[in-house]
Amino acid sequence: MAKRPSPELHEVLAALGDPVRLAIVRQLAERGEVPCGGFGLDLAKSTLSHHFKVLRDAGLVGARAEGTSLMNYLERDAVERRFPGLLTSVLDTSAKSVRRRS
């Protein structure tokens, strides 16, 4: 299988621009590895799969098999190497936005 080129900044920002995907990334940043069904999102399985595909294609999320579960994790180090400070800034900003709405 050919290695996919590193995602461009616009792909990463587009992936993070969706509220559902941002919520997934936020949970992974806070909780570490999380199985696909462990996010507490009221979405159809196909919709959730689409969101994970977009996040994987953007290089934000990785997955590994553990028994019958697929464990998702944040590719924090890889994103930080490619776009220093981006993930921290986005997560800090989104957390402040969530607190303001509460």
C-alpha atoms as a PDB file:
ATOM      1  CA  MET A   1       0.000   0.000   0.000  1.00  0.00           C
ATOM      2  CA  ALA A   2       1.409   3.405  -0.961  1.00  0.00           C
ATOM      3  CA  LYS A   3       2.028   5.815   1.879  1.00  0.00           C
ATOM      4  CA  ARG A   4      -0.394   8.732   1.866  1.00  0.00           C
ATOM      5  CA  PRO A   5       1.302  12.145   1.690  1.00  0.00           C
ATOM      6  CA  SER A   6       1.211  14.272   4.824  1.00  0.00           C
ATOM      7  CA  PRO A   7      -1.996  16.266   5.082  1.00  0.00           C
ATOM      8  CA  GLU A   8      -1.916  19.939   4.261  1.00  0.00           C
ATOM      9  CA  LEU A   9      -2.936  22.594   6.777  1.00  0.00           C
ATOM     10  CA  HIS A  10      -6.275  23.249   5.056  1.00  0.00           C
ATOM     11  CA  GLU A  11      -7.207  19.542   5.409  1.00  0.00           C
ATOM     12  CA  VAL A  12      -6.430  19.574   9.127  1.00  0.00           C
ATOM     13  CA  LEU A  13      -8.354  22.803   9.689  1.00  0.00           C
ATOM     14  CA  ALA A  14     -11.324  21.529   7.660  1.00  0.00           C
ATOM     15  CA  ALA A  15     -11.415  18.361   9.773  1.00  0.00           C
ATOM     16  CA  LEU A  16     -11.280  20.392  12.992  1.00  0.00           C
ATOM     17  CA  GLY A  17     -13.913  22.831  11.697  1.00  0.00           C
ATOM     18  CA  ASP A  18     -16.756  20.368  12.208  1.00  0.00           C
ATOM     19  CA  PRO A  19     -18.246  20.451  15.745  1.00  0.00           C
ATOM     20  CA  VAL A  20     -18.627  16.655  15.944  1.00  0.00           C
ATOM     21  CA  ARG A  21     -15.050  16.011  14.849  1.00  0.00           C
ATOM     22  CA  LEU A  22     -13.781  18.687  17.213  1.00  0.00           C
ATOM     23  CA  ALA A  23     -15.690  16.997  20.057  1.00  0.00           C
ATOM     24  CA  ILE A  24     -14.059  13.669  19.141  1.00  0.00           C
ATOM     25  CA  VAL A  25     -10.583  15.233  19.111  1.00  0.00           C
ATOM     26  CA  ARG A  26     -11.288  16.995  22.419  1.00  0.00           C
ATOM     27  CA  GLN A  27     -12.347  13.710  24.037  1.00  0.00           C
ATOM     28  CA  LEU A  28      -9.274  11.913  22.730  1.00  0.00           C
ATOM     29  CA  ALA A  29      -7.048  14.699  24.075  1.00  0.00           C
ATOM     30  CA  GLU A  30      -8.681  14.394  27.499  1.00  0.00           C
ATOM     31  CA  ARG A  31      -9.203  10.628  27.734  1.00  0.00           C
ATOM     32  CA  GLY A  32      -6.441   9.032  25.660  1.00  0.00           C
ATOM     33  CA  GLU A  33      -7.532   5.953  23.713  1.00  0.00           C
ATOM     34  CA  VAL A  34     -11.279   5.553  23.261  1.00  0.00           C
ATOM     35  CA  PRO A  35     -13.188   2.776  21.453  1.00  0.00           C
ATOM     36  CA  CYS A  36     -15.422   3.834  18.551  1.00  0.00           C
ATOM     37  CA  GLY A  37     -18.599   3.424  20.579  1.00  0.00           C
ATOM     38  CA  GLY A  38     -17.226   5.181  23.655  1.00  0.00           C
ATOM     39  CA  PHE A  39     -17.751   8.799  22.698  1.00  0.00           C
ATOM     40  CA  GLY A  40     -21.356   9.180  23.830  1.00  0.00           C
ATOM     41  CA  LEU A  41     -22.389  10.757  20.528  1.00  0.00           C
ATOM     42  CA  ASP A  42     -25.943  10.179  19.335  1.00  0.00           C
ATOM     43  CA  LEU A  43     -25.020   9.511  15.707  1.00  0.00           C
ATOM     44  CA  ALA A  44     -25.619   6.710  13.239  1.00  0.00           C
ATOM     45  CA  LYS A  45     -22.692   4.308  12.966  1.00  0.00           C
ATOM     46  CA  SER A  46     -22.160   5.296   9.318  1.00  0.00           C
ATOM     47  CA  THR A  47     -22.015   8.990  10.243  1.00  0.00           C
ATOM     48  CA  LEU A  48     -19.527   8.331  13.037  1.00  0.00           C
ATOM     49  CA  SER A  49     -17.419   6.218  10.654  1.00  0.00           C
ATOM     50  CA  HIS A  50     -17.357   9.105   8.178  1.00  0.00           C
ATOM     51  CA  HIS A  51     -16.144  11.515  10.863  1.00  0.00           C
ATOM     52  CA  PHE A  52     -13.365   9.106  11.901  1.00  0.00           C
ATOM     53  CA  LYS A  53     -12.299   8.687   8.270  1.00  0.00           C
ATOM     54  CA  VAL A  54     -12.000  12.453   7.839  1.00  0.00           C
ATOM     55  CA  LEU A  55      -9.961  12.698  11.050  1.00  0.00           C
ATOM     56  CA  ARG A  56      -7.677   9.816   9.991  1.00  0.00           C
ATOM     57  CA  ASP A  57      -7.206  11.267   6.497  1.00  0.00           C
ATOM     58  CA  ALA A  58      -6.233  14.593   8.084  1.00  0.00           C
ATOM     59  CA  GLY A  59      -3.640  12.786  10.217  1.00  0.00           C
ATOM     60  CA  LEU A  60      -5.335  13.789  13.474  1.00  0.00           C
ATOM     61  CA  VAL A  61      -6.485  10.373  14.662  1.00  0.00           C
ATOM     62  CA  GLY A  62      -5.041   6.888  14.519  1.00  0.00           C
ATOM     63  CA  ALA A  63      -6.645   3.562  15.388  1.00  0.00           C
ATOM     64  CA  ARG A  64      -5.481   0.165  16.545  1.00  0.00           C
ATOM     65  CA  ALA A  65      -7.288  -3.113  17.038  1.00  0.00           C
ATOM     66  CA  GLU A  66      -7.674  -4.454  20.568  1.00  0.00           C
ATOM     67  CA  GLY A  67      -9.626  -7.676  20.561  1.00  0.00           C
ATOM     68  CA  THR A  68     -12.912  -6.919  18.862  1.00  0.00           C
ATOM     69  CA  SER A  69     -12.655  -3.168  19.516  1.00  0.00           C
ATOM     70  CA  LEU A  70     -11.028  -0.444  17.487  1.00  0.00           C
ATOM     71  CA  MET A  71      -9.221   1.945  19.807  1.00  0.00           C
ATOM     72  CA  ASN A  72      -8.874   5.524  18.558  1.00  0.00           C
ATOM     73  CA  TYR A  73      -6.095   7.822  19.676  1.00  0.00           C
ATOM     74  CA  LEU A  74      -4.980  11.362  18.963  1.00  0.00           C
ATOM     75  CA  GLU A  75      -1.882  11.650  16.748  1.00  0.00           C
ATOM     76  CA  ARG A  76      -0.707  14.544  18.910  1.00  0.00           C
ATOM     77  CA  ASP A  77       3.047  14.131  18.323  1.00  0.00           C
ATOM     78  CA  ALA A  78       2.708  13.816  14.544  1.00  0.00           C
ATOM     79  CA  VAL A  79       0.432  16.861  14.341  1.00  0.00           C
ATOM     80  CA  GLU A  80       2.746  18.844  16.615  1.00  0.00           C
ATOM     81  CA  ARG A  81       5.767  18.040  14.441  1.00  0.00           C
ATOM     82  CA  ARG A  82       3.954  19.096  11.271  1.00  0.00           C
ATOM     83  CA  PHE A  83       2.029  22.081  12.665  1.00  0.00           C
ATOM     84  CA  PRO A  84       3.645  23.214  15.954  1.00  0.00           C
ATOM     85  CA  GLY A  85       1.150  24.621  18.453  1.00  0.00           C
ATOM     86  CA  LEU A  86      -1.905  24.116  16.245  1.00  0.00           C
ATOM     87  CA  LEU A  87      -3.640  21.385  18.213  1.00  0.00           C
ATOM     88  CA  THR A  88      -2.997  23.048  21.561  1.00  0.00           C
ATOM     89  CA  SER A  89      -4.357  26.358  20.254  1.00  0.00           C
ATOM     90  CA  VAL A  90      -7.467  24.796  18.744  1.00  0.00           C
ATOM     91  CA  LEU A  91      -8.229  22.728  21.845  1.00  0.00           C
ATOM     92  CA  ASP A  92      -7.646  25.683  24.197  1.00  0.00           C
ATOM     93  CA  THR A  93      -9.838  27.958  22.084  1.00  0.00           C
ATOM     94  CA  SER A  94     -12.617  25.377  21.758  1.00  0.00           C
ATOM     95  CA  ALA A  95     -12.559  24.697  25.513  1.00  0.00           C
ATOM     96  CA  LYS A  96     -12.971  28.428  26.233  1.00  0.00           C
ATOM     97  CA  SER A  97     -15.841  28.573  23.754  1.00  0.00           C
ATOM     98  CA  VAL A  98     -17.588  25.623  25.445  1.00  0.00           C
ATOM     99  CA  ARG A  99     -17.179  27.247  28.886  1.00  0.00           C
ATOM    100  CA  ARG A 100     -18.680  30.534  27.609  1.00  0.00           C
ATOM    101  CA  ARG A 101     -21.769  28.722  26.292  1.00  0.00           C
ATOM    102  CA  SER A 102     -22.324  26.902  29.605  1.00  0.00           C
END
